[in-house]
């Protein structure tokens, strides 16, 4: 009888030990599975992010290339074949209160001629060239006037070889003393060889 009781006690002990062992192994399995899944997720996420970061700069770099054509390569068209001379009224130095029709640049600056040019072999260089600037002609053909002139406009050469605008055989000049359109400070005396060019100037020597 004692032997049976002992055997039953041992069986109960073994059964309890087996149950406890089985219960103790379950948390271990759970703890191992959860980190494994979590690790796989954390590794896959940076991979996707990395692919997006690589694609974005590539697209951004292609946009400046398409919008970088050199726009300002075209030169402006200013190739007029003629240089226009016009006529305007300026205050006369000879008669107070009266006006005088003179030849001017298209911007309105008074044009002058040197009337002793032909007789004295006059050339404007050195100190003269610092005050008097010839009206250069950069077009082709003959210069024209914005208004009808009784005399003739033509192209000539000055002492420095520049192509210049001439009226009635006289080279036309501007004066550095004139600061604004309508000024006529280049000549103040009647006997000055420099005089404003007027439409009815005679043919030069």
N, C-alpha and C. Protein backbone atom coordinates (compact mmCIF):
# COMPACT_ATOMS: atom_id res chain seq x y z
N UNK A 1 0.82 -1.20 0.00
CA UNK A 1 0.00 0.00 0.00
C UNK A 1 0.86 1.25 0.00
N UNK A 2 1.89 1.18 0.83
CA UNK A 2 2.81 2.31 0.88
C UNK A 2 3.51 2.49 -0.46
N UNK A 3 3.76 1.36 -1.12
CA UNK A 3 4.44 1.44 -2.41
C UNK A 3 3.55 2.14 -3.43
N UNK A 4 2.25 1.85 -3.43
CA UNK A 4 1.34 2.50 -4.37
C UNK A 4 1.26 4.00 -4.10
N UNK A 5 1.21 4.34 -2.83
CA UNK A 5 1.13 5.75 -2.48
C UNK A 5 2.37 6.49 -2.94
N UNK A 6 3.51 5.89 -2.79
CA UNK A 6 4.77 6.49 -3.21
C UNK A 6 4.80 6.71 -4.71
N UNK A 7 4.32 5.69 -5.45
CA UNK A 7 4.32 5.79 -6.91
C UNK A 7 3.39 6.91 -7.37
N UNK A 8 2.20 7.01 -6.74
CA UNK A 8 1.27 8.08 -7.11
C UNK A 8 1.86 9.45 -6.83
N UNK A 9 2.55 9.54 -5.68
CA UNK A 9 3.17 10.83 -5.34
C UNK A 9 4.22 11.23 -6.38
N UNK A 10 5.01 10.26 -6.81
CA UNK A 10 6.05 10.54 -7.80
C UNK A 10 5.44 10.97 -9.14
N UNK A 11 4.36 10.26 -9.52
CA UNK A 11 3.70 10.60 -10.78
C UNK A 11 3.15 12.03 -10.74
N UNK A 12 2.53 12.35 -9.60
CA UNK A 12 1.98 13.72 -9.47
C UNK A 12 3.10 14.75 -9.56
N UNK A 13 4.23 14.45 -8.90
CA UNK A 13 5.36 15.39 -8.92
C UNK A 13 5.87 15.60 -10.33
N UNK A 14 6.03 14.46 -11.07
CA UNK A 14 6.52 14.55 -12.45
C UNK A 14 5.54 15.31 -13.34
N UNK A 15 4.23 15.07 -13.12
CA UNK A 15 3.23 15.77 -13.92
C UNK A 15 3.28 17.27 -13.69
N UNK A 16 3.39 17.64 -12.40
CA UNK A 16 3.46 19.07 -12.07
C UNK A 16 4.72 19.71 -12.67
N UNK A 17 5.82 18.96 -12.59
CA UNK A 17 7.08 19.47 -13.14
C UNK A 17 6.98 19.65 -14.65
N UNK A 18 6.30 18.69 -15.30
CA UNK A 18 6.14 18.80 -16.76
C UNK A 18 5.30 19.99 -17.15
N UNK A 19 4.23 20.22 -16.36
CA UNK A 19 3.36 21.36 -16.66
C UNK A 19 4.12 22.67 -16.48
N UNK A 20 4.87 22.72 -15.38
CA UNK A 20 5.65 23.95 -15.13
C UNK A 20 6.69 24.19 -16.23
N UNK A 21 7.30 23.11 -16.68
CA UNK A 21 8.30 23.26 -17.75
C UNK A 21 7.67 23.77 -19.04
N UNK A 22 6.49 23.19 -19.36
CA UNK A 22 5.79 23.64 -20.58
C UNK A 22 5.38 25.10 -20.49
N UNK A 23 4.88 25.52 -19.33
CA UNK A 23 4.48 26.92 -19.16
C UNK A 23 5.68 27.85 -19.23
N UNK A 24 6.78 27.42 -18.68
CA UNK A 24 7.98 28.28 -18.70
C UNK A 24 8.57 28.43 -20.09
N UNK A 25 8.39 27.46 -20.98
CA UNK A 25 8.96 27.58 -22.33
C UNK A 25 8.17 28.48 -23.25
N UNK A 26 6.88 28.70 -22.98
CA UNK A 26 6.04 29.54 -23.85
C UNK A 26 6.51 30.98 -23.93
N UNK A 27 6.83 31.69 -22.81
CA UNK A 27 7.31 33.05 -22.94
C UNK A 27 8.59 33.17 -23.73
N UNK A 28 9.44 32.12 -23.58
CA UNK A 28 10.70 32.18 -24.32
C UNK A 28 10.46 32.21 -25.81
N UNK A 29 9.48 31.38 -26.26
CA UNK A 29 9.17 31.37 -27.70
C UNK A 29 8.63 32.71 -28.15
N UNK A 30 7.74 33.31 -27.33
CA UNK A 30 7.15 34.60 -27.70
C UNK A 30 8.21 35.68 -27.79
N UNK A 31 9.13 35.67 -26.82
CA UNK A 31 10.15 36.73 -26.83
C UNK A 31 11.06 36.61 -28.01
N UNK A 32 11.30 35.43 -28.51
CA UNK A 32 12.20 35.27 -29.65
C UNK A 32 11.52 35.65 -30.96
N UNK A 33 10.21 35.34 -31.07
CA UNK A 33 9.53 35.65 -32.34
C UNK A 33 9.33 37.14 -32.56
N UNK A 34 8.97 37.87 -31.50
CA UNK A 34 8.66 39.29 -31.64
C UNK A 34 9.87 40.10 -32.11
N UNK A 35 11.05 39.94 -31.49
CA UNK A 35 12.19 40.70 -31.99
C UNK A 35 12.54 40.38 -33.43
N UNK A 36 12.34 39.07 -33.82
CA UNK A 36 12.70 38.71 -35.20
C UNK A 36 11.86 39.47 -36.21
N UNK A 37 10.54 39.50 -35.97
CA UNK A 37 9.64 40.24 -36.87
C UNK A 37 9.96 41.73 -36.87
N UNK A 38 10.21 42.25 -35.67
CA UNK A 38 10.51 43.68 -35.54
C UNK A 38 11.79 44.05 -36.28
N UNK A 39 12.81 43.17 -36.20
CA UNK A 39 14.07 43.44 -36.88
C UNK A 39 13.89 43.48 -38.39
N UNK A 40 13.10 42.55 -38.90
CA UNK A 40 12.88 42.53 -40.35
C UNK A 40 12.19 43.79 -40.83
N UNK A 41 11.23 44.28 -40.03
CA UNK A 41 10.52 45.50 -40.41
C UNK A 41 11.44 46.71 -40.40
N UNK A 42 12.27 46.82 -39.36
CA UNK A 42 13.14 47.99 -39.25
C UNK A 42 14.20 48.01 -40.33
N UNK A 43 14.58 46.85 -40.88
CA UNK A 43 15.57 46.84 -41.94
C UNK A 43 14.97 47.19 -43.29
N UNK A 44 13.72 46.79 -43.53
CA UNK A 44 13.12 47.07 -44.83
C UNK A 44 12.74 48.53 -45.00
N UNK A 45 12.41 49.22 -43.91
CA UNK A 45 11.99 50.63 -44.00
C UNK A 45 13.08 51.54 -44.53
N UNK A 46 14.36 51.52 -44.03
CA UNK A 46 15.39 52.39 -44.59
C UNK A 46 15.67 52.12 -46.05
N UNK A 47 15.49 50.84 -46.48
CA UNK A 47 15.78 50.54 -47.88
C UNK A 47 14.88 51.32 -48.81
N UNK A 48 13.58 51.37 -48.48
CA UNK A 48 12.63 52.14 -49.31
C UNK A 48 12.95 53.62 -49.29
N UNK A 49 13.24 54.15 -48.10
CA UNK A 49 13.57 55.58 -47.97
C UNK A 49 14.81 55.93 -48.78
N UNK A 50 15.78 55.03 -48.78
CA UNK A 50 17.02 55.29 -49.50
C UNK A 50 16.78 55.39 -51.01
N UNK A 51 15.88 54.52 -51.53
CA UNK A 51 15.58 54.57 -52.96
C UNK A 51 14.92 55.88 -53.35
N UNK A 52 14.04 56.42 -52.50
CA UNK A 52 13.37 57.68 -52.80
C UNK A 52 14.36 58.84 -52.79
N UNK A 53 15.28 58.83 -51.85
CA UNK A 53 16.25 59.93 -51.76
C UNK A 53 17.17 59.95 -52.98
N UNK A 54 17.48 58.77 -53.53
CA UNK A 54 18.34 58.73 -54.71
C UNK A 54 17.63 59.25 -55.95
N UNK A 55 16.34 58.93 -56.07
CA UNK A 55 15.59 59.36 -57.25
C UNK A 55 15.35 60.86 -57.27
N UNK A 56 15.09 61.46 -56.12
CA UNK A 56 14.74 62.89 -56.06
C UNK A 56 15.84 63.79 -56.60
N UNK A 57 17.15 63.66 -56.22
CA UNK A 57 18.18 64.52 -56.79
C UNK A 57 18.32 64.36 -58.29
N UNK A 58 18.10 63.10 -58.78
CA UNK A 58 18.26 62.90 -60.22
C UNK A 58 17.24 63.71 -61.00
N UNK A 59 15.98 63.73 -60.52
CA UNK A 59 14.96 64.53 -61.19
C UNK A 59 15.26 66.01 -61.07
N UNK A 60 15.70 66.44 -59.89
CA UNK A 60 15.99 67.86 -59.69
C UNK A 60 17.11 68.35 -60.58
N UNK A 61 18.11 67.48 -60.86
CA UNK A 61 19.24 67.91 -61.66
C UNK A 61 18.88 68.06 -63.13
N UNK A 62 17.88 67.31 -63.59
CA UNK A 62 17.54 67.40 -65.00
C UNK A 62 16.78 68.68 -65.34
N UNK A 63 16.10 69.28 -64.37
CA UNK A 63 15.31 70.49 -64.64
C UNK A 63 16.16 71.69 -65.00
N UNK A 64 17.26 72.05 -64.25
CA UNK A 64 18.08 73.20 -64.64
C UNK A 64 18.68 73.05 -66.02
N UNK A 65 19.03 71.79 -66.40
CA UNK A 65 19.64 71.60 -67.71
C UNK A 65 18.69 71.99 -68.82
N UNK A 66 17.40 71.69 -68.63
CA UNK A 66 16.44 72.01 -69.68
C UNK A 66 16.13 73.49 -69.75
N UNK A 67 16.36 74.22 -68.65
CA UNK A 67 15.99 75.65 -68.64
C UNK A 67 17.20 76.57 -68.65
N UNK A 68 18.35 76.05 -69.14
CA UNK A 68 19.54 76.90 -69.13
C UNK A 68 19.95 77.44 -70.49
N UNK A 69 19.09 77.50 -71.52
CA UNK A 69 19.56 78.05 -72.80
C UNK A 69 20.01 79.49 -72.66
N UNK A 70 21.13 79.85 -73.31
CA UNK A 70 21.66 81.22 -73.20
C UNK A 70 20.78 82.17 -73.97
N UNK A 71 19.89 82.83 -73.25
CA UNK A 71 18.95 83.74 -73.90
C UNK A 71 19.61 84.96 -74.50
N UNK A 72 20.59 85.60 -73.74
CA UNK A 72 21.06 86.87 -74.27
C UNK A 72 22.09 86.78 -75.36
N UNK A 73 22.06 85.69 -76.18
CA UNK A 73 23.06 85.59 -77.23
C UNK A 73 22.71 86.42 -78.45
N UNK A 74 21.43 86.75 -78.62
CA UNK A 74 21.04 87.53 -79.79
C UNK A 74 21.39 89.00 -79.62
N UNK A 75 22.07 89.58 -80.62
CA UNK A 75 22.40 91.02 -80.58
C UNK A 75 21.21 91.82 -81.06
N UNK A 76 21.08 93.03 -80.53
CA UNK A 76 19.97 93.89 -80.95
C UNK A 76 20.22 94.41 -82.35
N UNK A 77 19.17 94.58 -83.12
CA UNK A 77 19.28 95.06 -84.50
C UNK A 77 19.29 96.59 -84.51
N UNK A 78 20.47 97.15 -84.74
CA UNK A 78 20.54 98.60 -84.84
C UNK A 78 21.26 98.98 -86.14
N UNK A 79 21.18 98.11 -87.13
CA UNK A 79 21.92 98.36 -88.36
C UNK A 79 21.16 99.22 -89.35
N UNK A 80 20.87 100.43 -88.99
CA UNK A 80 20.25 101.35 -89.95
C UNK A 80 21.29 101.72 -90.99
N UNK A 81 20.88 101.77 -92.27
CA UNK A 81 21.84 102.03 -93.34
C UNK A 81 22.14 103.52 -93.47
N UNK A 82 21.39 104.40 -92.81
CA UNK A 82 21.63 105.83 -92.94
C UNK A 82 21.67 106.48 -91.57
N UNK A 83 22.31 107.63 -91.50
CA UNK A 83 22.32 108.42 -90.27
C UNK A 83 21.43 109.63 -90.49
N UNK A 84 20.37 109.72 -89.75
CA UNK A 84 19.42 110.82 -89.93
C UNK A 84 19.91 112.10 -89.27
N UNK A 85 19.80 113.16 -90.01
CA UNK A 85 20.02 114.51 -89.50
C UNK A 85 18.66 115.19 -89.51
N UNK A 86 18.39 116.00 -88.54
CA UNK A 86 17.11 116.70 -88.52
C UNK A 86 17.34 118.20 -88.33
N UNK A 87 16.28 118.96 -88.27
CA UNK A 87 16.36 120.42 -88.12
C UNK A 87 15.49 120.83 -86.94
N UNK A 88 16.01 121.73 -86.12
CA UNK A 88 15.22 122.27 -85.02
C UNK A 88 15.57 123.74 -84.81
N UNK A 89 14.75 124.43 -84.08
CA UNK A 89 14.98 125.86 -83.80
C UNK A 89 15.76 126.01 -82.50
N UNK A 90 16.73 126.93 -82.50
CA UNK A 90 17.48 127.27 -81.29
C UNK A 90 17.46 128.79 -81.13
N UNK A 91 17.68 129.30 -79.92
CA UNK A 91 17.74 130.76 -79.75
C UNK A 91 18.92 131.35 -80.53
N UNK A 92 18.68 132.44 -81.20
CA UNK A 92 19.73 133.09 -81.98
C UNK A 92 20.59 133.97 -81.07
N UNK A 93 21.93 133.91 -81.28
CA UNK A 93 22.84 134.78 -80.52
C UNK A 93 22.97 136.16 -81.18
N UNK A 94 22.50 136.28 -82.41
CA UNK A 94 22.63 137.54 -83.14
C UNK A 94 21.47 138.49 -82.86
N UNK A 95 20.28 137.94 -82.69
CA UNK A 95 19.11 138.79 -82.44
C UNK A 95 18.36 138.22 -81.23
N UNK A 96 18.37 138.97 -80.15
CA UNK A 96 17.74 138.51 -78.91
C UNK A 96 16.25 138.30 -79.13
N UNK A 97 15.75 137.17 -78.69
CA UNK A 97 14.33 136.88 -78.81
C UNK A 97 13.95 136.17 -80.08
N UNK A 98 14.89 136.03 -81.03
CA UNK A 98 14.59 135.33 -82.28
C UNK A 98 15.17 133.91 -82.23
N UNK A 99 14.75 133.11 -83.18
CA UNK A 99 15.24 131.72 -83.25
C UNK A 99 15.89 131.48 -84.60
N UNK A 100 16.64 130.39 -84.65
CA UNK A 100 17.39 130.05 -85.85
C UNK A 100 17.19 128.57 -86.15
N UNK A 101 16.93 128.23 -87.41
CA UNK A 101 16.83 126.82 -87.81
C UNK A 101 18.24 126.26 -88.02
N UNK A 102 18.56 125.19 -87.31
CA UNK A 102 19.89 124.59 -87.43
C UNK A 102 19.76 123.08 -87.62
N UNK A 103 20.82 122.49 -88.18
CA UNK A 103 20.88 121.04 -88.29
C UNK A 103 21.26 120.47 -86.93
N UNK A 104 20.64 119.37 -86.56
CA UNK A 104 20.95 118.72 -85.28
C UNK A 104 21.04 117.21 -85.49
N UNK A 105 21.57 116.56 -84.48
CA UNK A 105 21.53 115.10 -84.46
C UNK A 105 20.09 114.65 -84.20
N UNK A 106 19.76 113.38 -84.41
CA UNK A 106 18.41 112.92 -84.09
C UNK A 106 18.05 113.15 -82.63
N UNK A 107 19.06 113.24 -81.75
CA UNK A 107 18.79 113.50 -80.33
C UNK A 107 18.60 114.98 -80.03
N UNK A 108 18.82 115.85 -81.03
CA UNK A 108 18.57 117.28 -80.83
C UNK A 108 19.80 118.10 -80.51
N UNK A 109 21.02 117.53 -80.59
CA UNK A 109 22.23 118.30 -80.32
C UNK A 109 22.66 119.07 -81.58
N UNK A 110 23.00 120.33 -81.36
CA UNK A 110 23.34 121.23 -82.47
C UNK A 110 24.57 120.73 -83.23
N UNK A 111 24.51 120.82 -84.55
CA UNK A 111 25.64 120.46 -85.41
C UNK A 111 26.31 121.75 -85.91
N UNK A 112 27.64 121.71 -86.00
CA UNK A 112 28.43 122.88 -86.39
C UNK A 112 29.29 122.54 -87.60
N UNK A 113 29.70 123.61 -88.30
CA UNK A 113 30.68 123.48 -89.37
C UNK A 113 31.79 124.50 -89.15
N UNK A 114 32.97 124.19 -89.69
CA UNK A 114 34.10 125.12 -89.64
C UNK A 114 34.26 125.69 -91.05
N UNK A 115 33.92 126.99 -91.21
CA UNK A 115 33.81 127.55 -92.56
C UNK A 115 35.16 127.82 -93.21
N UNK A 116 36.26 127.81 -92.46
CA UNK A 116 37.57 128.04 -93.08
C UNK A 116 38.27 126.74 -93.42
N UNK A 117 37.54 125.64 -93.33
CA UNK A 117 38.17 124.34 -93.55
C UNK A 117 38.83 124.25 -94.93
N UNK A 118 38.08 124.64 -95.97
CA UNK A 118 38.63 124.48 -97.31
C UNK A 118 39.77 125.45 -97.61
N UNK A 119 39.61 126.72 -97.17
CA UNK A 119 40.60 127.75 -97.52
C UNK A 119 41.92 127.58 -96.77
N UNK A 120 41.87 127.14 -95.53
CA UNK A 120 43.10 127.10 -94.72
C UNK A 120 43.67 125.71 -94.54
N UNK A 121 43.06 124.71 -95.17
CA UNK A 121 43.53 123.34 -94.96
C UNK A 121 43.30 122.88 -93.54
N UNK A 122 42.19 123.31 -92.95
CA UNK A 122 41.88 123.04 -91.54
C UNK A 122 41.68 121.55 -91.29
N UNK A 123 42.31 121.05 -90.23
CA UNK A 123 42.03 119.70 -89.72
C UNK A 123 41.83 119.81 -88.22
N UNK A 124 40.82 119.11 -87.73
CA UNK A 124 40.52 119.17 -86.30
C UNK A 124 41.15 117.97 -85.60
N UNK A 125 42.32 118.21 -85.00
CA UNK A 125 42.99 117.16 -84.23
C UNK A 125 43.57 117.79 -82.97
N UNK A 126 44.23 117.02 -82.14
CA UNK A 126 44.83 117.55 -80.92
C UNK A 126 43.79 118.17 -80.00
N UNK A 127 44.05 119.44 -79.60
CA UNK A 127 43.14 120.15 -78.69
C UNK A 127 41.78 120.36 -79.32
N UNK A 128 41.76 120.57 -80.64
CA UNK A 128 40.48 120.78 -81.33
C UNK A 128 39.59 119.55 -81.20
N UNK A 129 40.17 118.37 -81.37
CA UNK A 129 39.38 117.14 -81.34
C UNK A 129 38.81 116.85 -79.96
N UNK A 130 39.36 117.49 -78.92
CA UNK A 130 38.81 117.29 -77.57
C UNK A 130 37.51 118.07 -77.37
N UNK A 131 37.33 119.12 -78.17
CA UNK A 131 36.13 119.96 -78.04
C UNK A 131 35.11 119.64 -79.12
N UNK A 132 35.61 119.40 -80.33
CA UNK A 132 34.73 119.19 -81.48
C UNK A 132 34.80 117.73 -81.92
N UNK A 133 33.65 117.08 -81.94
CA UNK A 133 33.58 115.67 -82.32
C UNK A 133 32.84 115.53 -83.64
N UNK A 134 33.47 114.94 -84.65
CA UNK A 134 32.78 114.78 -85.94
C UNK A 134 31.59 113.83 -85.81
N UNK A 135 30.60 114.07 -86.62
CA UNK A 135 29.42 113.20 -86.64
C UNK A 135 29.76 111.97 -87.47
N UNK A 136 30.02 110.85 -86.80
CA UNK A 136 30.47 109.64 -87.49
C UNK A 136 29.32 108.98 -88.23
N UNK A 137 29.66 108.38 -89.37
CA UNK A 137 28.66 107.66 -90.16
C UNK A 137 29.02 106.18 -90.13
N UNK A 138 28.10 105.36 -89.61
CA UNK A 138 28.38 103.92 -89.47
C UNK A 138 27.48 103.07 -90.35
N UNK A 139 26.68 103.73 -91.19
CA UNK A 139 25.77 102.97 -92.05
C UNK A 139 26.37 102.70 -93.41
N UNK A 140 25.49 102.43 -94.36
CA UNK A 140 25.90 102.25 -95.75
C UNK A 140 25.09 103.21 -96.62
N UNK A 141 25.58 103.43 -97.83
CA UNK A 141 24.89 104.37 -98.71
C UNK A 141 25.15 105.81 -98.28
N UNK A 142 24.13 106.64 -98.40
CA UNK A 142 24.24 108.06 -98.07
C UNK A 142 23.39 108.38 -96.84
N UNK A 143 23.85 109.34 -96.00
CA UNK A 143 23.02 109.76 -94.86
C UNK A 143 21.78 110.51 -95.34
N UNK A 144 20.74 110.47 -94.56
CA UNK A 144 19.50 111.15 -94.93
C UNK A 144 19.07 112.08 -93.81
N UNK A 145 18.15 112.95 -94.15
CA UNK A 145 17.61 113.90 -93.17
C UNK A 145 16.16 113.56 -92.88
N UNK A 146 15.75 113.84 -91.64
CA UNK A 146 14.35 113.62 -91.27
C UNK A 146 13.44 114.64 -91.94
N UNK A 147 14.00 115.76 -92.38
CA UNK A 147 13.23 116.78 -93.11
C UNK A 147 13.95 117.08 -94.42
N UNK A 148 13.22 117.63 -95.36
CA UNK A 148 13.83 117.95 -96.66
C UNK A 148 14.79 119.12 -96.52
N UNK A 149 16.01 118.94 -97.05
CA UNK A 149 17.04 119.98 -96.98
C UNK A 149 17.32 120.52 -98.38
N UNK A 150 17.62 121.82 -98.48
CA UNK A 150 17.97 122.37 -99.79
C UNK A 150 19.36 121.94 -100.25
N UNK A 151 20.24 121.63 -99.30
CA UNK A 151 21.59 121.20 -99.63
C UNK A 151 21.73 119.69 -99.64
N UNK A 152 22.98 119.22 -99.72
CA UNK A 152 23.24 117.79 -99.88
C UNK A 152 24.02 117.23 -98.69
N UNK A 153 23.54 116.09 -98.20
CA UNK A 153 24.28 115.32 -97.20
C UNK A 153 25.14 114.29 -97.92
N UNK A 154 26.34 114.08 -97.40
CA UNK A 154 27.24 113.09 -98.02
C UNK A 154 28.13 112.49 -96.94
N UNK A 155 28.95 111.53 -97.36
CA UNK A 155 29.88 110.88 -96.45
C UNK A 155 31.29 111.24 -96.88
N UNK A 156 32.13 111.62 -95.92
CA UNK A 156 33.53 111.94 -96.20
C UNK A 156 34.43 111.31 -95.16
N UNK A 157 35.70 111.70 -95.17
CA UNK A 157 36.68 111.20 -94.21
C UNK A 157 37.36 112.38 -93.54
N UNK A 158 37.60 112.26 -92.23
CA UNK A 158 38.33 113.33 -91.54
C UNK A 158 39.81 113.01 -91.52
N UNK A 159 40.60 113.83 -90.81
CA UNK A 159 42.05 113.66 -90.79
C UNK A 159 42.47 112.34 -90.16
N UNK A 160 41.60 111.77 -89.32
CA UNK A 160 41.93 110.51 -88.66
C UNK A 160 41.41 109.29 -89.43
N UNK A 161 40.82 109.54 -90.58
CA UNK A 161 40.32 108.43 -91.39
C UNK A 161 38.93 107.96 -91.02
N UNK A 162 38.23 108.69 -90.15
CA UNK A 162 36.86 108.31 -89.78
C UNK A 162 35.89 108.65 -90.91
N UNK A 163 34.88 107.82 -91.09
CA UNK A 163 33.80 108.15 -92.03
C UNK A 163 32.85 109.10 -91.31
N UNK A 164 32.67 110.28 -91.88
CA UNK A 164 31.90 111.32 -91.20
C UNK A 164 30.78 111.83 -92.10
N UNK A 165 29.75 112.42 -91.46
CA UNK A 165 28.63 113.01 -92.19
C UNK A 165 29.00 114.44 -92.58
N UNK A 166 28.73 114.79 -93.82
CA UNK A 166 29.04 116.13 -94.32
C UNK A 166 27.77 116.76 -94.88
N UNK A 167 27.71 118.10 -94.79
CA UNK A 167 26.61 118.85 -95.41
C UNK A 167 27.21 119.96 -96.25
N UNK A 168 26.86 119.94 -97.52
CA UNK A 168 27.37 120.93 -98.48
C UNK A 168 28.91 120.92 -98.53
N UNK A 169 29.50 119.74 -98.26
CA UNK A 169 30.95 119.61 -98.31
C UNK A 169 31.66 119.91 -97.01
N UNK A 170 30.92 120.32 -95.98
CA UNK A 170 31.51 120.61 -94.66
C UNK A 170 31.26 119.43 -93.71
N UNK A 171 32.28 119.09 -92.95
CA UNK A 171 32.10 118.05 -91.92
C UNK A 171 31.23 118.61 -90.81
N UNK A 172 30.29 117.83 -90.35
CA UNK A 172 29.41 118.24 -89.25
C UNK A 172 30.00 117.78 -87.92
N UNK A 173 29.99 118.69 -86.95
CA UNK A 173 30.57 118.41 -85.63
C UNK A 173 29.55 118.70 -84.53
N UNK A 174 29.74 118.03 -83.40
CA UNK A 174 29.06 118.42 -82.16
C UNK A 174 30.10 119.01 -81.22
N UNK A 175 29.64 119.81 -80.25
CA UNK A 175 30.55 120.46 -79.31
C UNK A 175 30.34 119.90 -77.90
N UNK A 176 31.45 119.69 -77.19
CA UNK A 176 31.35 119.20 -75.81
C UNK A 176 30.77 120.27 -74.88
N UNK A 177 30.71 121.50 -75.36
CA UNK A 177 30.14 122.58 -74.54
C UNK A 177 28.61 122.50 -74.47
N UNK A 178 28.02 121.78 -75.39
CA UNK A 178 26.56 121.61 -75.38
C UNK A 178 26.22 120.42 -74.48
N UNK A 179 25.50 120.69 -73.41
CA UNK A 179 25.20 119.65 -72.42
C UNK A 179 23.82 119.04 -72.61
N UNK A 180 22.95 119.72 -73.35
CA UNK A 180 21.58 119.23 -73.50
C UNK A 180 21.09 119.55 -74.91
N UNK A 181 20.10 118.80 -75.41
CA UNK A 181 19.53 119.12 -76.71
C UNK A 181 19.03 120.57 -76.75
N UNK A 182 19.34 121.27 -77.85
CA UNK A 182 18.93 122.67 -77.98
C UNK A 182 20.00 123.65 -77.58
N UNK A 183 21.06 123.20 -76.89
CA UNK A 183 22.17 124.10 -76.54
C UNK A 183 22.93 124.48 -77.82
N UNK A 184 23.51 125.68 -77.80
CA UNK A 184 24.37 126.11 -78.91
C UNK A 184 25.52 126.94 -78.35
N UNK A 185 26.25 126.32 -77.42
CA UNK A 185 27.35 127.01 -76.74
C UNK A 185 28.68 126.91 -77.48
N UNK A 186 28.68 126.18 -78.58
CA UNK A 186 29.94 126.00 -79.31
C UNK A 186 30.41 127.27 -79.99
N UNK A 187 29.48 128.14 -80.36
CA UNK A 187 29.85 129.38 -81.05
C UNK A 187 29.06 130.54 -80.46
N UNK A 188 29.78 131.61 -80.06
CA UNK A 188 29.11 132.77 -79.46
C UNK A 188 29.36 134.06 -80.24
N UNK A 189 30.30 134.03 -81.16
CA UNK A 189 30.65 135.27 -81.89
C UNK A 189 30.35 135.11 -83.37
N UNK A 190 29.97 136.23 -84.00
CA UNK A 190 29.64 136.19 -85.42
C UNK A 190 30.86 135.88 -86.29
N UNK A 191 32.05 136.31 -85.83
CA UNK A 191 33.25 136.09 -86.63
C UNK A 191 33.96 134.79 -86.27
N UNK A 192 33.34 133.98 -85.45
CA UNK A 192 33.93 132.68 -85.09
C UNK A 192 33.84 131.75 -86.31
N UNK A 193 34.96 131.08 -86.67
CA UNK A 193 34.88 130.15 -87.82
C UNK A 193 33.93 128.98 -87.56
N UNK A 194 33.69 128.66 -86.29
CA UNK A 194 32.73 127.62 -85.96
C UNK A 194 31.34 128.25 -85.86
N UNK A 195 30.42 127.75 -86.66
CA UNK A 195 29.05 128.26 -86.66
C UNK A 195 28.07 127.08 -86.73
N UNK A 196 26.88 127.26 -86.14
CA UNK A 196 25.87 126.22 -86.29
C UNK A 196 25.56 125.98 -87.77
N UNK A 197 25.44 124.72 -88.15
CA UNK A 197 25.10 124.39 -89.53
C UNK A 197 23.63 124.70 -89.78
N UNK A 198 23.34 125.45 -90.82
CA UNK A 198 21.96 125.82 -91.14
C UNK A 198 21.59 125.22 -92.49
N UNK A 199 20.29 125.00 -92.73
CA UNK A 199 19.89 124.36 -93.99
C UNK A 199 20.37 125.08 -95.24
N UNK A 200 20.47 126.43 -95.20
CA UNK A 200 20.85 127.16 -96.41
C UNK A 200 22.34 127.49 -96.46
N UNK A 201 23.17 126.69 -95.78
CA UNK A 201 24.62 126.87 -95.89
C UNK A 201 25.04 126.74 -97.36
N UNK A 202 26.00 127.58 -97.81
CA UNK A 202 26.48 127.45 -99.19
C UNK A 202 27.37 126.21 -99.34
N UNK A 203 27.65 125.88 -100.56
CA UNK A 203 28.54 124.74 -100.81
C UNK A 203 29.94 125.12 -100.35
N UNK A 204 30.61 124.20 -99.65
CA UNK A 204 31.93 124.48 -99.10
C UNK A 204 33.01 124.46 -100.17
N UNK A 205 34.18 125.02 -99.81
CA UNK A 205 35.31 125.08 -100.73
C UNK A 205 35.96 123.72 -100.88
